[in-house]
Amino acid sequence: MKLNFGKFKGHEIEDVPTSYLAYLLEADFVDYEIKAECLGIINFRYSDYELPTKHFNYEIIDKAFKKLVHKHHPDTGGNHYAMIALNEFRQTLIESL
């Protein structure tokens, strides 16, 4: 998928830096299909990253997850693919505790 806006217009989304993908996740003008693609790429890029779990506990993960679910759930205007990525990332965090 190529971006059709911004400073990376015309670039494949897989080639865009992670920091810009994170920016797109928070931008109001970006549609949910692109946000879901960004989440998937970020999740893939960090799938081998060893998380610093000593700073995490289940309550912190659960609180952050619920906040993100409220924002990205399809029932509240979010995207199904974003929820899949969120669920996978939450599970990864919990398993690493």
N, C-alpha and C. Protein backbone atom coordinates (compact mmCIF):
# COMPACT_ATOMS: atom_id res chain seq x y z
N MET A 1 0.85 -1.17 0.00
CA MET A 1 0.00 0.00 0.00
C MET A 1 0.90 1.24 0.00
N LYS A 2 0.61 2.15 -0.91
CA LYS A 2 1.38 3.39 -1.00
C LYS A 2 0.61 4.50 -0.29
N LEU A 3 1.39 5.37 0.35
CA LEU A 3 0.78 6.55 0.98
C LEU A 3 0.48 7.57 -0.11
N ASN A 4 -0.67 8.23 0.00
CA ASN A 4 -1.04 9.23 -0.99
C ASN A 4 -1.09 10.64 -0.39
N PHE A 5 -0.35 10.83 0.70
CA PHE A 5 -0.31 12.13 1.36
C PHE A 5 0.96 12.22 2.19
N GLY A 6 1.24 13.41 2.67
CA GLY A 6 2.34 13.63 3.61
C GLY A 6 3.72 13.61 3.00
N LYS A 7 4.71 13.66 3.87
CA LYS A 7 6.09 13.74 3.39
C LYS A 7 6.58 12.44 2.79
N PHE A 8 5.86 11.35 2.99
CA PHE A 8 6.22 10.06 2.39
C PHE A 8 5.24 9.67 1.29
N LYS A 9 4.62 10.66 0.68
CA LYS A 9 3.67 10.42 -0.40
C LYS A 9 4.35 9.63 -1.52
N GLY A 10 3.68 8.56 -1.96
CA GLY A 10 4.23 7.73 -3.03
C GLY A 10 5.10 6.59 -2.54
N HIS A 11 5.46 6.59 -1.27
CA HIS A 11 6.28 5.51 -0.71
C HIS A 11 5.39 4.36 -0.25
N GLU A 12 5.92 3.15 -0.36
CA GLU A 12 5.24 2.00 0.21
C GLU A 12 5.22 2.17 1.72
N ILE A 13 4.10 1.83 2.32
CA ILE A 13 3.96 2.04 3.77
C ILE A 13 4.97 1.20 4.56
N GLU A 14 5.37 0.07 4.01
CA GLU A 14 6.37 -0.78 4.67
C GLU A 14 7.73 -0.10 4.76
N ASP A 15 7.99 0.89 3.89
CA ASP A 15 9.28 1.57 3.85
C ASP A 15 9.33 2.83 4.70
N VAL A 16 8.21 3.18 5.31
CA VAL A 16 8.11 4.40 6.11
C VAL A 16 8.68 4.14 7.50
N PRO A 17 9.42 5.09 8.07
CA PRO A 17 9.98 4.90 9.42
C PRO A 17 8.90 4.69 10.48
N THR A 18 9.24 3.94 11.48
CA THR A 18 8.30 3.61 12.55
C THR A 18 7.77 4.86 13.24
N SER A 19 8.61 5.86 13.41
CA SER A 19 8.16 7.08 14.07
C SER A 19 7.04 7.76 13.29
N TYR A 20 7.10 7.71 11.96
CA TYR A 20 6.04 8.31 11.15
C TYR A 20 4.79 7.45 11.20
N LEU A 21 4.95 6.13 11.25
CA LEU A 21 3.79 5.25 11.38
C LEU A 21 3.07 5.53 12.70
N ALA A 22 3.82 5.74 13.77
CA ALA A 22 3.22 6.06 15.06
C ALA A 22 2.47 7.39 14.99
N TYR A 23 3.03 8.35 14.27
CA TYR A 23 2.37 9.63 14.08
C TYR A 23 1.03 9.44 13.34
N LEU A 24 1.03 8.61 12.32
CA LEU A 24 -0.19 8.36 11.55
C LEU A 24 -1.28 7.72 12.40
N LEU A 25 -0.88 6.89 13.36
CA LEU A 25 -1.87 6.26 14.24
C LEU A 25 -2.64 7.28 15.05
N GLU A 26 -2.01 8.39 15.38
CA GLU A 26 -2.65 9.41 16.21
C GLU A 26 -3.34 10.50 15.40
N ALA A 27 -3.05 10.58 14.11
CA ALA A 27 -3.59 11.65 13.27
C ALA A 27 -5.07 11.42 12.98
N ASP A 28 -5.86 12.48 13.10
CA ASP A 28 -7.30 12.39 12.85
C ASP A 28 -7.65 12.24 11.38
N PHE A 29 -6.79 12.72 10.49
CA PHE A 29 -7.10 12.72 9.07
C PHE A 29 -6.82 11.38 8.38
N VAL A 30 -6.22 10.44 9.09
CA VAL A 30 -5.85 9.16 8.50
C VAL A 30 -7.00 8.17 8.67
N ASP A 31 -7.35 7.47 7.57
CA ASP A 31 -8.47 6.52 7.66
C ASP A 31 -8.01 5.25 8.38
N TYR A 32 -9.00 4.48 8.81
CA TYR A 32 -8.72 3.32 9.65
C TYR A 32 -8.01 2.20 8.91
N GLU A 33 -8.16 2.12 7.60
CA GLU A 33 -7.44 1.09 6.84
C GLU A 33 -5.93 1.33 6.92
N ILE A 34 -5.53 2.58 6.79
CA ILE A 34 -4.11 2.91 6.88
C ILE A 34 -3.62 2.73 8.31
N LYS A 35 -4.43 3.12 9.29
CA LYS A 35 -4.04 2.94 10.69
C LYS A 35 -3.85 1.45 11.02
N ALA A 36 -4.72 0.61 10.51
CA ALA A 36 -4.58 -0.82 10.74
C ALA A 36 -3.30 -1.35 10.11
N GLU A 37 -2.99 -0.88 8.92
CA GLU A 37 -1.75 -1.28 8.25
C GLU A 37 -0.54 -0.82 9.06
N CYS A 38 -0.59 0.40 9.59
CA CYS A 38 0.51 0.92 10.43
C CYS A 38 0.70 0.06 11.66
N LEU A 39 -0.41 -0.28 12.33
CA LEU A 39 -0.32 -1.13 13.52
C LEU A 39 0.28 -2.48 13.20
N GLY A 40 -0.12 -3.05 12.08
CA GLY A 40 0.42 -4.35 11.67
C GLY A 40 1.91 -4.29 11.42
N ILE A 41 2.36 -3.24 10.76
CA ILE A 41 3.79 -3.09 10.46
C ILE A 41 4.58 -2.87 11.73
N ILE A 42 4.08 -2.01 12.61
CA ILE A 42 4.78 -1.77 13.88
C ILE A 42 4.85 -3.06 14.69
N ASN A 43 3.75 -3.79 14.75
CA ASN A 43 3.72 -5.06 15.48
C ASN A 43 4.73 -6.03 14.88
N PHE A 44 4.81 -6.10 13.55
CA PHE A 44 5.76 -6.99 12.88
C PHE A 44 7.20 -6.57 13.17
N ARG A 45 7.47 -5.28 13.09
CA ARG A 45 8.84 -4.80 13.31
C ARG A 45 9.33 -5.09 14.72
N TYR A 46 8.43 -5.07 15.68
CA TYR A 46 8.83 -5.28 17.06
C TYR A 46 8.49 -6.66 17.58
N SER A 47 8.14 -7.59 16.69
CA SER A 47 7.78 -8.94 17.13
C SER A 47 8.97 -9.66 17.76
N ASP A 48 10.19 -9.33 17.36
CA ASP A 48 11.37 -9.97 17.93
C ASP A 48 12.01 -9.12 19.03
N TYR A 49 11.41 -7.98 19.33
CA TYR A 49 11.94 -7.07 20.33
C TYR A 49 11.67 -7.61 21.72
N GLU A 50 12.69 -7.68 22.53
CA GLU A 50 12.50 -8.16 23.90
C GLU A 50 11.99 -7.00 24.76
N LEU A 51 10.80 -7.15 25.25
CA LEU A 51 10.15 -6.08 26.00
C LEU A 51 10.71 -5.97 27.42
N PRO A 52 10.87 -4.76 27.92
CA PRO A 52 11.37 -4.58 29.29
C PRO A 52 10.24 -4.82 30.30
N THR A 53 9.90 -6.06 30.53
CA THR A 53 8.70 -6.39 31.30
C THR A 53 8.81 -6.09 32.78
N LYS A 54 9.98 -5.77 33.29
CA LYS A 54 10.06 -5.47 34.72
C LYS A 54 9.26 -4.21 35.07
N HIS A 55 8.93 -3.39 34.07
CA HIS A 55 8.15 -2.18 34.31
C HIS A 55 6.66 -2.39 34.07
N PHE A 56 6.29 -3.59 33.64
CA PHE A 56 4.90 -3.88 33.33
C PHE A 56 4.30 -4.81 34.37
N ASN A 57 3.02 -4.69 34.55
CA ASN A 57 2.27 -5.70 35.27
C ASN A 57 0.92 -5.80 34.59
N TYR A 58 0.14 -6.79 34.98
CA TYR A 58 -1.12 -7.03 34.28
C TYR A 58 -2.05 -5.83 34.36
N GLU A 59 -2.09 -5.15 35.49
CA GLU A 59 -3.00 -4.02 35.65
C GLU A 59 -2.65 -2.87 34.70
N ILE A 60 -1.37 -2.60 34.53
CA ILE A 60 -0.94 -1.53 33.62
C ILE A 60 -1.30 -1.89 32.19
N ILE A 61 -1.03 -3.13 31.80
CA ILE A 61 -1.35 -3.59 30.45
C ILE A 61 -2.85 -3.51 30.21
N ASP A 62 -3.63 -3.99 31.18
CA ASP A 62 -5.08 -4.01 31.03
C ASP A 62 -5.66 -2.61 30.92
N LYS A 63 -5.16 -1.69 31.72
CA LYS A 63 -5.65 -0.30 31.69
C LYS A 63 -5.35 0.35 30.34
N ALA A 64 -4.14 0.16 29.84
CA ALA A 64 -3.77 0.74 28.55
C ALA A 64 -4.57 0.09 27.43
N PHE A 65 -4.75 -1.23 27.51
CA PHE A 65 -5.51 -1.94 26.50
C PHE A 65 -6.95 -1.44 26.44
N LYS A 66 -7.58 -1.28 27.59
CA LYS A 66 -8.97 -0.81 27.61
C LYS A 66 -9.10 0.59 27.00
N LYS A 67 -8.12 1.44 27.24
CA LYS A 67 -8.14 2.78 26.67
C LYS A 67 -8.03 2.71 25.15
N LEU A 68 -7.15 1.85 24.66
CA LEU A 68 -6.98 1.71 23.21
C LEU A 68 -8.19 1.04 22.57
N VAL A 69 -8.80 0.08 23.27
CA VAL A 69 -10.00 -0.58 22.75
C VAL A 69 -11.11 0.44 22.58
N HIS A 70 -11.27 1.30 23.56
CA HIS A 70 -12.30 2.33 23.48
C HIS A 70 -12.11 3.21 22.23
N LYS A 71 -10.87 3.45 21.90
CA LYS A 71 -10.57 4.32 20.76
C LYS A 71 -10.66 3.58 19.42
N HIS A 72 -10.26 2.30 19.37
CA HIS A 72 -10.11 1.60 18.09
C HIS A 72 -11.14 0.50 17.83
N HIS A 73 -12.05 0.23 18.76
CA HIS A 73 -13.03 -0.83 18.57
C HIS A 73 -14.00 -0.47 17.44
N PRO A 74 -14.36 -1.43 16.59
CA PRO A 74 -15.29 -1.14 15.49
C PRO A 74 -16.63 -0.55 15.94
N ASP A 75 -17.09 -0.90 17.12
CA ASP A 75 -18.36 -0.36 17.61
C ASP A 75 -18.28 1.13 17.95
N THR A 76 -17.07 1.64 18.12
CA THR A 76 -16.90 3.06 18.42
C THR A 76 -16.25 3.80 17.26
N GLY A 77 -16.38 3.23 16.06
CA GLY A 77 -15.84 3.89 14.87
C GLY A 77 -14.45 3.45 14.50
N GLY A 78 -13.92 2.45 15.18
CA GLY A 78 -12.58 1.95 14.89
C GLY A 78 -12.58 0.92 13.78
N ASN A 79 -11.53 0.13 13.75
CA ASN A 79 -11.31 -0.81 12.66
C ASN A 79 -11.06 -2.21 13.20
N HIS A 80 -11.63 -3.19 12.54
CA HIS A 80 -11.48 -4.59 12.93
C HIS A 80 -10.00 -5.00 12.94
N TYR A 81 -9.24 -4.57 11.94
CA TYR A 81 -7.83 -4.97 11.85
C TYR A 81 -6.99 -4.32 12.93
N ALA A 82 -7.36 -3.11 13.32
CA ALA A 82 -6.66 -2.47 14.43
C ALA A 82 -6.88 -3.26 15.71
N MET A 83 -8.09 -3.77 15.90
CA MET A 83 -8.38 -4.56 17.10
C MET A 83 -7.62 -5.88 17.09
N ILE A 84 -7.48 -6.49 15.94
CA ILE A 84 -6.70 -7.72 15.85
C ILE A 84 -5.26 -7.45 16.28
N ALA A 85 -4.68 -6.37 15.77
CA ALA A 85 -3.30 -6.02 16.13
C ALA A 85 -3.19 -5.72 17.62
N LEU A 86 -4.14 -5.00 18.18
CA LEU A 86 -4.12 -4.68 19.61
C LEU A 86 -4.21 -5.95 20.46
N ASN A 87 -5.11 -6.85 20.09
CA ASN A 87 -5.25 -8.10 20.84
C ASN A 87 -3.98 -8.93 20.79
N GLU A 88 -3.35 -9.00 19.62
CA GLU A 88 -2.11 -9.76 19.50
C GLU A 88 -0.99 -9.14 20.35
N PHE A 89 -0.90 -7.81 20.33
CA PHE A 89 0.14 -7.14 21.09
C PHE A 89 -0.10 -7.31 22.59
N ARG A 90 -1.34 -7.19 23.02
CA ARG A 90 -1.68 -7.40 24.44
C ARG A 90 -1.29 -8.80 24.88
N GLN A 91 -1.61 -9.80 24.05
CA GLN A 91 -1.27 -11.17 24.38
C GLN A 91 0.22 -11.36 24.48
N THR A 92 0.97 -10.72 23.58
CA THR A 92 2.43 -10.80 23.61
C THR A 92 2.97 -10.22 24.92
N LEU A 93 2.43 -9.07 25.33
CA LEU A 93 2.87 -8.46 26.59
C LEU A 93 2.56 -9.36 27.78
N ILE A 94 1.37 -9.90 27.82
CA ILE A 94 0.97 -10.76 28.95
C ILE A 94 1.82 -12.01 29.02
N GLU A 95 2.10 -12.60 27.87
CA GLU A 95 2.92 -13.81 27.85
C GLU A 95 4.36 -13.55 28.27
N SER A 96 4.81 -12.31 28.11
CA SER A 96 6.19 -12.00 28.46
C SER A 96 6.37 -11.64 29.93
N LEU A 97 5.27 -11.57 30.68
CA LEU A 97 5.37 -11.25 32.13
C LEU A 97 5.99 -12.39 32.90
